[in-house]
Protein backbone atom coordinates (compact mmCIF):
# COMPACT_ATOMS: atom_id res chain seq x y z
CA MET A 1 15.97 8.31 16.48
CA ARG A 2 14.22 11.66 16.04
CA TYR A 3 11.97 12.53 13.12
CA ASP A 4 9.79 15.31 11.79
CA ILE A 5 6.97 14.99 9.24
CA SER A 6 6.35 18.15 7.21
CA GLY A 7 3.94 19.10 4.46
CA THR A 8 0.24 18.58 3.87
CA VAL A 9 -0.62 16.63 0.70
CA MET A 10 2.97 15.88 -0.38
CA GLN A 11 4.66 15.08 2.89
CA THR A 12 8.27 14.26 3.70
CA VAL A 13 9.75 12.68 6.80
CA SER A 14 13.13 13.98 7.98
CA ILE A 15 15.01 11.68 10.33
CA ASP A 16 17.95 12.64 12.56
CA LEU A 17 20.40 9.78 13.06
CA ASP A 18 23.09 9.57 15.71
CA ARG A 19 26.37 7.91 14.89
CA GLY A 20 25.90 4.18 14.38
CA GLU A 21 22.12 4.32 13.82
CA ARG A 22 20.74 2.67 10.69
CA ILE A 23 17.56 2.94 8.66
CA PHE A 24 16.45 1.24 5.46
CA SER A 25 13.97 1.93 2.67
CA GLN A 26 12.89 0.53 -0.63
CA THR A 27 14.57 2.04 -3.67
CA HIS A 28 13.52 5.46 -5.06
CA ALA A 29 12.33 6.70 -1.65
CA MET A 30 15.22 8.86 -0.40
CA ALA A 31 14.83 12.60 -1.06
CA TRP A 32 17.99 14.13 0.49
CA MET A 33 20.62 13.42 3.13
CA SER A 34 23.53 15.14 4.82
CA ASP A 35 27.23 14.25 4.70
CA GLY A 36 28.22 11.40 6.92
CA ILE A 37 25.35 9.11 5.89
CA ALA A 38 26.64 5.99 4.10
CA MET A 39 24.38 4.25 1.58
CA ASP A 40 24.44 0.50 0.81
CA THR A 41 22.00 -1.17 -1.61
CA HIS A 42 21.50 -4.95 -1.29
CA THR A 43 18.82 -7.65 -1.35
CA GLY A 44 18.21 -7.42 2.40
CA GLY A 45 18.70 -11.07 3.29
CA GLY A 46 19.52 -12.74 0.00
CA LEU A 47 17.90 -13.16 -3.39
CA PHE A 48 14.90 -15.07 -2.03
CA ALA A 49 14.11 -12.27 0.44
CA GLY A 50 14.31 -9.74 -2.40
CA LEU A 51 12.02 -11.81 -4.61
CA LYS A 52 9.45 -12.06 -1.83
CA ARG A 53 9.44 -8.30 -1.41
CA ALA A 54 9.02 -7.83 -5.17
CA MET A 55 6.03 -10.21 -5.11
CA GLY A 56 4.51 -8.05 -2.38
CA GLY A 57 4.72 -4.92 -4.53
CA GLY A 58 8.07 -3.71 -3.19
CA SER A 59 11.52 -3.51 -4.74
CA LEU A 60 13.94 -6.38 -5.27
CA PHE A 61 16.63 -4.37 -3.48
CA ILE A 62 16.56 -2.26 -0.35
CA THR A 63 18.85 0.64 0.50
CA GLU A 64 20.36 0.83 3.97
CA TYR A 65 21.58 4.15 5.36
CA SER A 66 24.13 4.20 8.20
CA ALA A 67 25.21 7.28 10.14
CA GLU A 68 29.00 7.43 10.22
CA GLN A 69 28.49 10.67 12.09
CA ALA A 70 25.38 12.49 13.29
CA GLY A 71 23.27 13.62 10.35
CA HIS A 72 19.81 13.62 8.84
CA ILE A 73 18.02 11.99 5.92
CA ALA A 74 14.61 12.62 4.35
CA PHE A 75 12.18 10.34 2.51
CA ALA A 76 9.20 11.26 0.34
CA PRO A 77 6.33 9.16 -1.08
CA ARG A 78 5.65 9.16 -4.82
CA PHE A 79 1.95 10.05 -4.53
CA PRO A 80 -0.07 12.65 -2.59
CA GLY A 81 -1.04 11.37 0.81
CA LYS A 82 -0.07 10.95 4.45
CA ILE A 83 2.96 9.45 6.17
CA LEU A 84 2.12 7.37 9.24
CA PRO A 85 4.83 6.75 11.85
CA VAL A 86 4.14 3.58 13.84
CA ARG A 87 6.14 2.34 16.79
CA LEU A 88 6.02 -1.48 16.79
CA ALA A 89 6.77 -3.57 19.85
CA SER A 90 8.81 -6.75 19.56
CA GLY A 91 6.82 -9.24 17.47
CA GLN A 92 4.02 -6.76 16.71
CA SER A 93 2.97 -6.76 13.06
CA LEU A 94 0.84 -4.78 10.63
CA ILE A 95 -0.54 -5.95 7.29
CA CYS A 96 -0.22 -3.32 4.54
CA ARG A 97 -1.36 -3.01 0.96
CA LYS A 98 1.33 -3.06 -1.70
CA GLU A 99 3.68 -0.05 -1.93
CA THR A 100 2.73 1.21 1.54
CA PHE A 101 6.14 0.74 3.15
CA LEU A 102 8.36 3.84 3.02
CA CYS A 103 11.25 3.31 5.48
CA ALA A 104 12.00 1.86 8.90
CA GLU A 105 14.61 1.33 11.55
CA ALA A 106 17.02 -1.51 10.81
CA SER A 107 15.40 -3.62 13.56
CA VAL A 108 12.07 -3.76 11.67
CA THR A 109 11.41 -6.75 9.39
CA LEU A 110 9.69 -6.27 6.00
CA ASP A 111 8.11 -9.45 4.66
CA ILE A 112 5.08 -10.65 2.69
CA ALA A 113 1.66 -11.68 3.98
CA LEU A 114 -0.66 -14.04 2.11
CA GLN A 115 -4.41 -13.66 1.84
CA GLN A 116 -6.05 -16.54 3.67
CA ARG A 117 -9.12 -16.65 1.44
CA LEU A 118 -9.11 -17.32 -2.30
CA GLY A 119 -12.00 -14.96 -3.02
CA ALA A 120 -10.39 -12.11 -1.13
CA GLY A 121 -7.21 -12.47 -3.17
CA VAL A 122 -9.05 -12.43 -6.52
CA PHE A 123 -11.91 -9.99 -5.99
CA ALA A 124 -11.14 -7.80 -2.97
CA GLY A 125 -8.75 -5.59 -4.93
CA GLU A 126 -5.68 -6.37 -2.80
CA GLY A 127 -4.27 -9.43 -4.55
CA PHE A 128 -2.98 -12.58 -2.87
CA ILE A 129 0.25 -11.07 -1.56
CA LEU A 130 0.44 -8.10 0.81
CA GLN A 131 3.23 -6.55 2.89
CA ARG A 132 3.90 -7.34 6.54
CA VAL A 133 6.04 -5.17 8.83
CA THR A 134 7.13 -6.58 12.19
CA GLY A 135 8.81 -4.88 15.13
CA PRO A 136 10.60 -3.92 17.21
CA GLY A 137 11.19 -0.42 15.90
CA THR A 138 9.61 2.54 14.16
CA VAL A 139 8.24 2.15 10.64
CA PHE A 140 6.98 4.87 8.32
CA LEU A 141 4.06 3.93 6.06
CA ASP A 142 2.40 6.12 3.44
CA LEU A 143 -1.20 6.03 2.26
CA SER A 144 -2.83 7.93 -0.60
CA GLY A 145 -5.10 10.88 0.12
CA GLU A 146 -6.45 11.39 3.62
CA VAL A 147 -6.28 8.64 6.25
CA ILE A 148 -9.24 7.45 8.32
CA GLU A 149 -8.51 5.23 11.31
CA LYS A 150 -11.16 2.90 12.73
CA VAL A 151 -11.25 0.31 15.50
CA LEU A 152 -13.50 -2.69 14.84
CA ALA A 153 -15.00 -4.55 17.78
CA PRO A 154 -15.03 -8.37 17.80
CA GLY A 155 -17.38 -9.51 15.05
CA GLU A 156 -17.96 -5.97 13.74
CA ARG A 157 -17.88 -5.80 9.95
CA LEU A 158 -17.14 -2.98 7.54
CA ARG A 159 -17.66 -3.22 3.78
CA VAL A 160 -15.00 -1.34 1.86
CA HIS A 161 -14.61 -0.47 -1.82
CA ALA A 162 -11.53 -2.09 -3.35
CA GLY A 163 -8.43 0.04 -2.99
CA HIS A 164 -9.45 1.99 0.11
CA ILE A 165 -7.96 -0.56 2.50
CA GLY A 166 -4.56 0.72 3.58
CA ILE A 167 -3.31 -0.98 6.73
CA GLN A 168 -4.83 -3.47 9.15
CA GLU A 169 -3.85 -5.38 12.23
CA PRO A 170 -3.42 -9.16 11.71
CA THR A 171 -6.46 -9.82 13.89
CA VAL A 172 -8.72 -8.22 11.25
CA SER A 173 -9.89 -10.73 8.62
CA THR A 174 -10.64 -9.90 4.98
CA ASP A 175 -13.35 -11.52 2.89
CA ILE A 176 -15.62 -10.50 0.02
CA GLN A 177 -19.34 -9.86 -0.24
CA MET A 178 -21.35 -9.57 -3.41
CA VAL A 179 -23.18 -6.32 -4.05
CA ARG A 180 -26.91 -6.91 -4.03
CA GLY A 181 -29.23 -5.64 -6.73
CA PHE A 182 -28.91 -5.86 -10.52
CA ARG A 183 -29.01 -2.09 -11.00
CA ASN A 184 -26.46 -1.55 -8.26
CA VAL A 185 -24.01 -3.84 -10.05
CA LEU A 186 -24.50 -2.34 -13.52
CA PHE A 187 -25.00 1.33 -12.73
CA GLY A 188 -23.84 1.91 -9.14
CA GLY A 189 -20.16 2.00 -10.06
CA GLU A 190 -19.15 0.13 -6.89
CA GLY A 191 -18.33 -3.18 -8.58
CA LEU A 192 -19.70 -6.69 -8.20
CA PHE A 193 -17.84 -7.36 -4.95
CA LEU A 194 -16.86 -5.35 -1.89
CA ALA A 195 -14.18 -6.27 0.60
CA THR A 196 -15.49 -7.11 4.06
CA LEU A 197 -13.28 -6.42 7.07
CA THR A 198 -14.20 -8.17 10.31
CA GLY A 199 -12.84 -7.24 13.74
CA PRO A 200 -11.40 -7.19 16.26
CA GLY A 201 -8.62 -4.83 15.37
CA ARG A 202 -7.53 -1.48 14.02
CA ILE A 203 -7.68 -0.49 10.35
CA TRP A 204 -6.42 2.52 8.40
CA LEU A 205 -8.36 3.51 5.27
CA GLN A 206 -7.15 5.78 2.47
CA SER A 207 -9.45 8.25 0.71
CA MET A 208 -7.73 8.28 -2.71
CA PRO A 209 -6.62 4.89 -4.07
CA ILE A 210 -3.84 5.23 -6.65
CA LEU A 211 -5.88 3.31 -9.25
CA ASN A 212 -8.73 5.81 -8.92
CA LEU A 213 -6.29 8.68 -9.45
CA ALA A 214 -4.74 6.96 -12.48
CA GLU A 215 -8.17 6.32 -14.00
CA GLU A 216 -9.21 9.94 -13.56
CA ILE A 217 -6.00 11.17 -15.19
CA ALA A 218 -6.42 8.70 -18.05
CA ARG A 219 -9.92 10.04 -18.67
CA HIS A 220 -8.44 13.40 -19.67
CA LEU A 221 -5.85 11.92 -22.03
CA PRO A 222 -6.47 11.11 -25.73
CA ASN A 223 -8.67 8.00 -26.00
CA GLY A 224 -9.18 8.24 -22.24
CA GLU A 225 -12.87 7.51 -22.49
CA ASN A 226 -12.16 4.24 -24.30
CA ALA A 227 -9.64 3.21 -21.65
CA ARG A 228 -12.13 4.14 -18.94
CA GLY A 229 -14.81 2.01 -20.58
CA GLY A 230 -12.68 -1.10 -20.27
CA GLY A 231 -11.70 -0.14 -16.74
CA ASN A 232 -15.34 0.18 -15.70
CA VAL A 233 -16.01 -3.36 -16.86
CA GLY A 234 -13.08 -4.55 -14.79
CA ALA A 235 -14.35 -2.58 -11.81
CA ALA A 236 -17.73 -4.28 -12.13
CA LEU A 237 -15.95 -7.56 -11.39
CA GLY A 238 -14.49 -6.22 -8.17
CA GLY A 239 -11.27 -4.51 -9.19
CA GLY A 240 -9.14 -7.59 -8.50
CA ALA A 241 -6.92 -9.65 -10.78
CA ALA A 242 -9.81 -11.10 -12.76
CA GLY A 243 -11.48 -7.72 -13.17
CA ALA A 244 -8.27 -6.03 -14.19
CA ALA A 245 -7.52 -8.66 -16.81
CA LEU A 246 -10.98 -8.54 -18.38
CA GLY A 247 -11.16 -4.77 -18.13
CA GLY A 248 -7.81 -4.40 -19.86
CA LEU A 249 -8.86 -6.80 -22.61
CA LEU A 250 -12.13 -5.01 -23.30
CA GLY A 251 -10.42 -1.63 -23.06
CA GLY A 252 -7.99 -2.73 -25.75
CA ILE A 253 -10.80 -3.94 -27.98
CA PHE A 254 -12.73 -0.70 -27.62
CA GLY A 255 -9.55 1.32 -28.15
CA ASN A 256 -8.87 -0.41 -31.49
CA GLU A 257 -12.26 0.27 -32.91
């Protein structure tokens, strides 16, 4: 399988398929394709497999593309960012934040991964359920904004603002750490908790989380300041499920005043 990634902030990946080769993606990802590429949408292993993907932020259905003759197909993310091609060995896995998976060879498995720590699931901004991709094969992942890759040594820790975690190797553990200082919590804008990544392993960080982009756009819409006020309260609780729920509630109260 041959591919070419083009573009800068709104990239596309064009893939050349020989006859008999197959690739799959989640729905709404395909941009264009040539004649001779057959498309088949299904649950990718049954209803339970589809439900698991939906819980991990993906789609209930996947679309499989088969080359009945040599041709090409292109996929495009829905947000500005970077497409990362990763060649996975047999049994090699990566843990991804929701909506990171773009497309992959048919030999790659897309599944869910569960946070091992309760606090990380609630307050680290990732939720309890993430995506897991497992080889063998090439997978294409997309992250928002620019991508920064780091390698953590055994025991090395990195504190990360919620939403900037993109991809990590399974050997990297995720926990939470409370921000110190009363003024930092109230006025620093970084939230009450930060995610803590501990090595060994490789991580990929994204510079522009989608939630940050959505909040900035909302600020310029009518009543945007009211919506942002509620969102800031939620962010002060860490940006996770609890913060989002309280932030949305307070935002609705302020918006009705």
